[in-house]
C-alpha cells in the first residue's frame, strides 16, 4: 500500500483560487446591487481577476505539472 501524497503547491494555489473567486463575487454582488464600490475594492477585483486568468493559463499549458523538476514545493505525506 502506498502512502498518499499531495502536491502542496497545487493545494495552496487551489485554495487561493477559491479565496479570490469568493472575494471577486462579493465585490461583484456589491456592484450589481448598486452599493458603492471603493477604488481599493476595484483594484483588488482586478488583482483577483488577473490571478484567476494567469492560474487558468498555467493549468491549460501544464506549467505547474507535478513532475516538474523545478517544483520548489515538496510533496507532503497525508497522515
Protein backbone atom coordinates (compact mmCIF):
# COMPACT_ATOMS: atom_id res chain seq x y z
CA UNK A 1 0.00 0.00 0.00
CA UNK A 2 1.37 3.40 -0.94
CA UNK A 3 1.13 6.40 1.28
CA UNK A 4 -0.98 9.11 -0.36
CA UNK A 5 0.78 12.41 -1.03
CA UNK A 6 -0.38 15.78 -2.25
CA UNK A 7 1.38 18.48 -4.19
CA UNK A 8 1.41 21.28 -1.60
CA UNK A 9 1.95 23.84 -4.35
CA UNK A 10 -1.26 22.82 -6.13
CA UNK A 11 -3.21 22.67 -2.86
CA UNK A 12 -2.04 26.19 -1.96
CA UNK A 13 -2.83 27.61 -5.41
CA UNK A 14 -6.25 25.92 -5.47
CA UNK A 15 -7.06 27.36 -2.04
CA UNK A 16 -6.05 30.79 -3.26
CA UNK A 17 -8.26 30.31 -6.32
CA UNK A 18 -11.28 29.64 -4.09
CA UNK A 19 -10.48 32.70 -1.96
CA UNK A 20 -10.07 35.03 -4.94
CA UNK A 21 -13.28 33.78 -6.57
CA UNK A 22 -15.16 34.41 -3.32
CA UNK A 23 -13.72 37.91 -2.96
CA UNK A 24 -14.49 38.72 -6.56
CA UNK A 25 -18.08 37.52 -6.16
CA UNK A 26 -18.59 39.74 -3.09
CA UNK A 27 -17.34 42.80 -4.94
CA UNK A 28 -19.44 41.93 -8.00
CA UNK A 29 -22.57 41.46 -5.87
CA UNK A 30 -21.92 44.80 -4.22
CA UNK A 31 -21.65 46.49 -7.61
CA UNK A 32 -24.74 44.75 -9.04
CA UNK A 33 -26.89 45.75 -6.07
CA UNK A 34 -25.90 49.38 -6.54
CA UNK A 35 -23.76 49.73 -3.43
CA UNK A 36 -20.68 51.90 -3.54
CA UNK A 37 -17.52 50.06 -4.60
CA UNK A 38 -14.39 51.82 -3.38
CA UNK A 39 -11.33 52.35 -5.59
CA UNK A 40 -9.43 49.89 -3.39
CA UNK A 41 -12.08 47.23 -4.00
CA UNK A 42 -11.90 47.88 -7.73
CA UNK A 43 -8.13 47.41 -7.69
CA UNK A 44 -8.47 44.26 -5.57
CA UNK A 45 -11.02 42.88 -8.05
CA UNK A 46 -8.52 43.50 -10.86
CA UNK A 47 -5.79 41.65 -8.96
CA UNK A 48 -8.17 38.74 -8.26
CA UNK A 49 -9.20 38.59 -11.90
CA UNK A 50 -5.58 38.67 -13.05
CA UNK A 51 -4.68 35.82 -10.68
CA UNK A 52 -7.58 33.68 -11.89
CA UNK A 53 -6.68 34.35 -15.51
CA UNK A 54 -2.98 33.56 -15.07
CA UNK A 55 -3.65 30.48 -12.97
CA UNK A 56 -6.01 29.18 -15.64
CA UNK A 57 -3.37 29.79 -18.33
CA UNK A 58 -0.79 27.94 -16.22
CA UNK A 59 -3.16 24.99 -15.83
CA UNK A 60 -4.09 24.91 -19.52
CA UNK A 61 -0.43 24.98 -20.57
CA UNK A 62 0.59 22.49 -17.86
CA UNK A 63 3.20 24.86 -16.48
CA UNK A 64 2.52 23.66 -12.95
CA UNK A 65 2.73 19.93 -13.62
CA UNK A 66 3.50 17.69 -10.66
CA UNK A 67 6.51 16.11 -12.40
CA UNK A 68 8.20 19.49 -12.92
CA UNK A 69 11.83 19.13 -11.76
CA UNK A 70 11.91 22.82 -10.82
CA UNK A 71 8.99 22.44 -8.41
CA UNK A 72 10.07 24.48 -5.37
CA UNK A 73 7.45 22.82 -3.19
CA UNK A 74 7.70 19.38 -1.69
CA UNK A 75 5.07 16.74 -1.71
CA UNK A 76 3.52 16.26 1.68
CA UNK A 77 2.55 12.90 3.08
CA UNK A 78 -1.04 12.67 4.27
CA UNK A 79 -1.39 11.10 7.70
